[in-house]
Amino acid sequence: MANQDERLFFPATQRNRVAIANSISEYIPCSGTVLEIASGSGEHAVFFQTIFNHITWQTSDPHKTNRNSILSWIISEGLTSRMKEPLDIDVNIVPWQVSNYLSSRIRAIVCINMIHVTEWSSTLSLFNEALNHLKKGDPLIIYGPFKRNGRYTSISNENFDKSLKIIDSNWGLRDLDLINKLAIDLGYNNLNIIDMPANNFLAVYRKNL
């Protein structure tokens, strides 16, 4: 069992969590479960669970260090009665390890700041596998820095992209317009794209099958 000493602190989370919460609020379901893919430290998750207390926020992450941090945050915020332990989900390993009961309760899937620090195959897997757990009309919500029409939206994003490629040549900012095309081809509606602070975007897709 994790303890409070295993909490991770990501400064960006403190800066963007309110803006993200405000933007996703109209898409959060009235009941059921929101599955978060690649929950990282867990700071977003406990914040969102507190705000959206009518739903269950189910975390997941493929890295044990992150899952320990998530559980530590759940414990430290007194949310053990509301939030389950994080799931060990690697977006590229399909089918995702989600029970039939949990899958039946999922009403939205959220993925924050994953796409630019993973290979393109992870984006393909996210959109494809989400279809197996969302019901018609349910949203898939992604957030992070993206290119638009093949171009960077700021010099800082261009520099960030270059720094990511130094770490891993398969990482980098994806073109949101290509992601939109992927989503539509797979059977999603492109519901909304929202400009966010610090040159980020939040994109909302709705399963249309």
Protein backbone atom coordinates (compact mmCIF):
# COMPACT_ATOMS: atom_id res chain seq x y z
CA MET A 1 0.00 0.00 0.00
CA ALA A 2 1.27 3.45 -0.91
CA ASN A 3 1.67 6.15 1.69
CA GLN A 4 1.74 9.93 1.63
CA ASP A 5 5.53 9.96 1.20
CA GLU A 6 5.04 8.53 -2.31
CA ARG A 7 3.08 11.50 -3.63
CA LEU A 8 4.54 13.16 -6.72
CA PHE A 9 4.11 16.89 -7.32
CA PHE A 10 3.91 18.25 -10.86
CA PRO A 11 3.85 22.09 -10.91
CA ALA A 12 1.99 22.18 -14.24
CA THR A 13 -0.96 20.40 -12.61
CA GLN A 14 -1.38 23.16 -10.07
CA ARG A 15 -1.36 25.72 -12.88
CA ASN A 16 -3.82 24.06 -15.28
CA ARG A 17 -6.23 22.01 -13.16
CA VAL A 18 -8.80 24.77 -12.65
CA ALA A 19 -8.85 25.72 -16.34
CA ILE A 20 -9.22 22.07 -17.36
CA ALA A 21 -11.98 21.47 -14.81
CA ASN A 22 -13.90 24.52 -16.05
CA SER A 23 -13.59 23.39 -19.67
CA ILE A 24 -14.62 19.76 -19.14
CA SER A 25 -17.44 20.52 -16.71
CA GLU A 26 -20.17 20.56 -19.38
CA TYR A 27 -19.00 17.19 -20.74
CA ILE A 28 -18.72 15.32 -17.45
CA PRO A 29 -21.61 12.84 -17.17
CA CYS A 30 -24.36 13.15 -14.59
CA SER A 31 -23.52 9.73 -13.14
CA GLY A 32 -21.27 6.74 -13.65
CA THR A 33 -17.51 6.64 -14.02
CA VAL A 34 -14.91 8.75 -15.81
CA LEU A 35 -11.87 6.67 -16.78
CA GLU A 36 -8.64 8.65 -16.88
CA ILE A 37 -5.86 7.20 -19.02
CA ALA A 38 -2.26 8.01 -17.96
CA SER A 39 -3.17 9.73 -14.70
CA GLY A 40 0.45 10.57 -13.85
CA SER A 41 0.90 11.83 -10.30
CA GLY A 42 -2.83 11.68 -9.51
CA GLU A 43 -3.07 15.39 -8.68
CA HIS A 44 -5.58 16.07 -11.43
CA ALA A 45 -7.64 13.05 -10.43
CA VAL A 46 -8.19 13.95 -6.77
CA PHE A 47 -8.94 17.55 -7.71
CA PHE A 48 -11.52 16.51 -10.29
CA GLN A 49 -13.07 13.93 -7.96
CA THR A 50 -13.60 16.66 -5.36
CA ILE A 51 -15.21 19.00 -7.88
CA PHE A 52 -17.27 16.41 -9.74
CA ASN A 53 -18.47 14.55 -6.67
CA HIS A 54 -21.50 13.08 -8.45
CA ILE A 55 -19.33 10.69 -10.47
CA THR A 56 -16.48 8.27 -9.77
CA TRP A 57 -13.08 9.27 -11.18
CA GLN A 58 -11.19 6.06 -12.03
CA THR A 59 -7.45 6.56 -12.45
CA SER A 60 -4.93 4.44 -14.36
CA ASP A 61 -1.25 4.49 -15.23
CA PRO A 62 1.25 1.94 -16.58
CA HIS A 63 4.03 3.02 -14.20
CA LYS A 64 4.10 1.69 -10.64
CA THR A 65 5.72 4.86 -9.29
CA ASN A 66 2.82 6.88 -10.65
CA ARG A 67 0.22 4.43 -9.36
CA ASN A 68 1.78 4.64 -5.89
CA SER A 69 1.62 8.42 -6.10
CA ILE A 70 -2.02 8.31 -7.21
CA LEU A 71 -2.97 6.09 -4.31
CA SER A 72 -1.05 8.31 -1.90
CA TRP A 73 -2.96 11.34 -3.16
CA ILE A 74 -6.26 9.50 -2.77
CA ILE A 75 -5.37 8.63 0.83
CA SER A 76 -4.03 12.07 1.72
CA GLU A 77 -7.16 13.79 0.35
CA GLY A 78 -9.47 11.44 2.26
CA LEU A 79 -11.05 10.02 -0.90
CA THR A 80 -10.63 6.30 -0.30
CA SER A 81 -14.38 5.86 0.08
CA ARG A 82 -14.97 7.46 -3.33
CA MET A 83 -12.00 6.46 -5.49
CA LYS A 84 -10.76 2.99 -6.34
CA GLU A 85 -7.08 2.12 -6.58
CA PRO A 86 -5.47 3.09 -9.90
CA LEU A 87 -5.58 0.51 -12.68
CA ASP A 88 -2.46 -0.77 -14.41
CA ILE A 89 -3.39 0.21 -17.96
CA ASP A 90 -0.81 0.54 -20.72
CA VAL A 91 -2.70 2.21 -23.54
CA ASN A 92 -0.88 0.07 -26.12
CA ILE A 93 -1.71 -3.27 -24.51
CA VAL A 94 -5.17 -4.21 -25.71
CA PRO A 95 -7.69 -5.07 -24.62
CA TRP A 96 -7.28 -2.78 -21.64
CA GLN A 97 -7.50 -4.54 -18.29
CA VAL A 98 -10.94 -3.18 -17.43
CA SER A 99 -13.56 -5.38 -15.79
CA ASN A 100 -16.92 -5.84 -17.46
CA TYR A 101 -18.57 -4.13 -14.49
CA LEU A 102 -16.34 -1.06 -14.73
CA SER A 103 -16.71 -0.91 -18.50
CA SER A 104 -20.49 -0.90 -18.10
CA ARG A 105 -20.23 2.17 -15.85
CA ILE A 106 -17.82 4.26 -17.95
CA ARG A 107 -19.48 7.37 -19.34
CA ALA A 108 -16.39 9.36 -20.37
CA ILE A 109 -12.66 8.85 -20.95
CA VAL A 110 -10.12 11.59 -20.26
CA CYS A 111 -6.45 11.70 -21.27
CA ILE A 112 -4.27 14.63 -20.17
CA ASN A 113 -0.73 15.34 -21.40
CA MET A 114 -0.01 11.86 -22.73
CA ILE A 115 -0.09 12.13 -26.50
CA HIS A 116 3.08 14.22 -26.94
CA VAL A 117 5.20 11.98 -24.66
CA THR A 118 4.28 8.67 -26.32
CA GLU A 119 4.61 7.16 -29.76
CA TRP A 120 1.91 7.76 -32.37
CA SER A 121 0.76 4.18 -31.82
CA SER A 122 -0.43 5.23 -28.36
CA THR A 123 -2.78 7.80 -29.87
CA LEU A 124 -4.13 5.20 -32.29
CA SER A 125 -4.66 2.77 -29.42
CA LEU A 126 -6.34 5.38 -27.25
CA PHE A 127 -8.95 6.24 -29.86
CA ASN A 128 -9.49 2.67 -30.99
CA GLU A 129 -9.76 1.06 -27.56
CA ALA A 130 -11.90 3.85 -26.12
CA LEU A 131 -14.59 2.81 -28.60
CA ASN A 132 -14.86 -0.52 -26.76
CA HIS A 133 -15.75 1.17 -23.46
CA LEU A 134 -17.70 4.29 -24.44
CA LYS A 135 -21.38 4.14 -25.28
CA LYS A 136 -22.92 6.08 -28.13
CA GLY A 137 -22.79 9.77 -27.26
CA ASP A 138 -20.10 9.41 -24.58
CA PRO A 139 -17.09 11.77 -24.78
CA LEU A 140 -13.39 11.13 -25.20
CA ILE A 141 -11.50 14.20 -23.96
CA ILE A 142 -7.83 14.90 -24.66
CA TYR A 143 -5.66 17.78 -23.43
CA GLY A 144 -2.15 18.97 -24.18
CA PRO A 145 0.04 20.92 -26.59
CA PHE A 146 -0.59 20.32 -30.29
CA LYS A 147 0.29 21.66 -33.70
CA ARG A 148 -2.49 23.09 -35.86
CA ASN A 149 -2.52 22.64 -39.65
CA GLY A 150 1.01 21.31 -39.47
CA ARG A 151 2.34 24.40 -37.69
CA TYR A 152 3.39 25.25 -34.18
CA THR A 153 1.09 27.63 -32.34
CA SER A 154 3.96 29.32 -30.48
CA ILE A 155 7.74 29.49 -30.34
CA SER A 156 7.65 27.91 -26.88
CA ASN A 157 5.77 24.90 -28.27
CA GLU A 158 8.30 24.56 -31.08
CA ASN A 159 11.14 24.56 -28.56
CA PHE A 160 9.25 22.10 -26.37
CA ASP A 161 8.76 19.78 -29.33
CA LYS A 162 12.49 19.85 -30.11
CA SER A 163 13.33 19.06 -26.50
CA LEU A 164 10.96 16.08 -26.52
CA LYS A 165 12.54 14.66 -29.67
CA ILE A 166 15.95 14.82 -28.02
CA ILE A 167 14.59 12.56 -25.28
CA ASP A 168 12.84 10.21 -27.72
CA SER A 169 12.65 10.70 -31.46
CA ASN A 170 9.18 9.09 -31.47
CA TRP A 171 7.77 11.72 -29.11
CA GLY A 172 6.60 15.18 -30.06
CA LEU A 173 3.64 17.46 -30.59
CA ARG A 174 0.99 15.89 -32.82
CA ASP A 175 -1.08 17.77 -35.34
CA LEU A 176 -4.55 18.18 -33.88
CA ASP A 177 -6.04 18.29 -37.37
CA LEU A 178 -4.65 14.81 -38.08
CA ILE A 179 -6.08 13.60 -34.78
CA ASN A 180 -9.44 15.07 -35.74
CA LYS A 181 -9.35 13.16 -39.01
CA LEU A 182 -8.42 9.96 -37.19
CA ALA A 183 -11.30 10.42 -34.76
CA ILE A 184 -13.87 11.07 -37.48
CA ASP A 185 -12.63 8.12 -39.55
CA LEU A 186 -13.06 5.85 -36.52
CA GLY A 187 -16.60 7.01 -35.79
CA TYR A 188 -16.35 9.96 -33.44
CA ASN A 189 -17.90 13.39 -33.81
CA ASN A 190 -15.47 16.27 -33.39
CA LEU A 191 -17.53 18.02 -30.73
CA ASN A 192 -15.33 20.92 -29.66
CA ILE A 193 -11.78 22.26 -29.61
CA ILE A 194 -11.00 24.74 -26.85
CA ASP A 195 -8.00 27.05 -26.67
CA MET A 196 -6.42 26.66 -23.26
CA PRO A 197 -3.80 28.67 -21.34
CA ALA A 198 -0.08 28.19 -22.04
CA ASN A 199 -0.67 27.28 -25.72
CA ASN A 200 -2.53 24.06 -24.96
CA PHE A 201 -5.77 22.71 -26.39
CA LEU A 202 -8.62 20.61 -25.07
CA ALA A 203 -10.42 18.51 -27.68
CA VAL A 204 -13.73 16.74 -27.09
CA TYR A 205 -14.94 13.87 -29.26
CA ARG A 206 -18.18 11.96 -28.96
CA LYS A 207 -18.68 8.35 -29.92
CA ASN A 208 -21.08 8.25 -32.83
CA LEU A 209 -21.51 4.51 -33.37
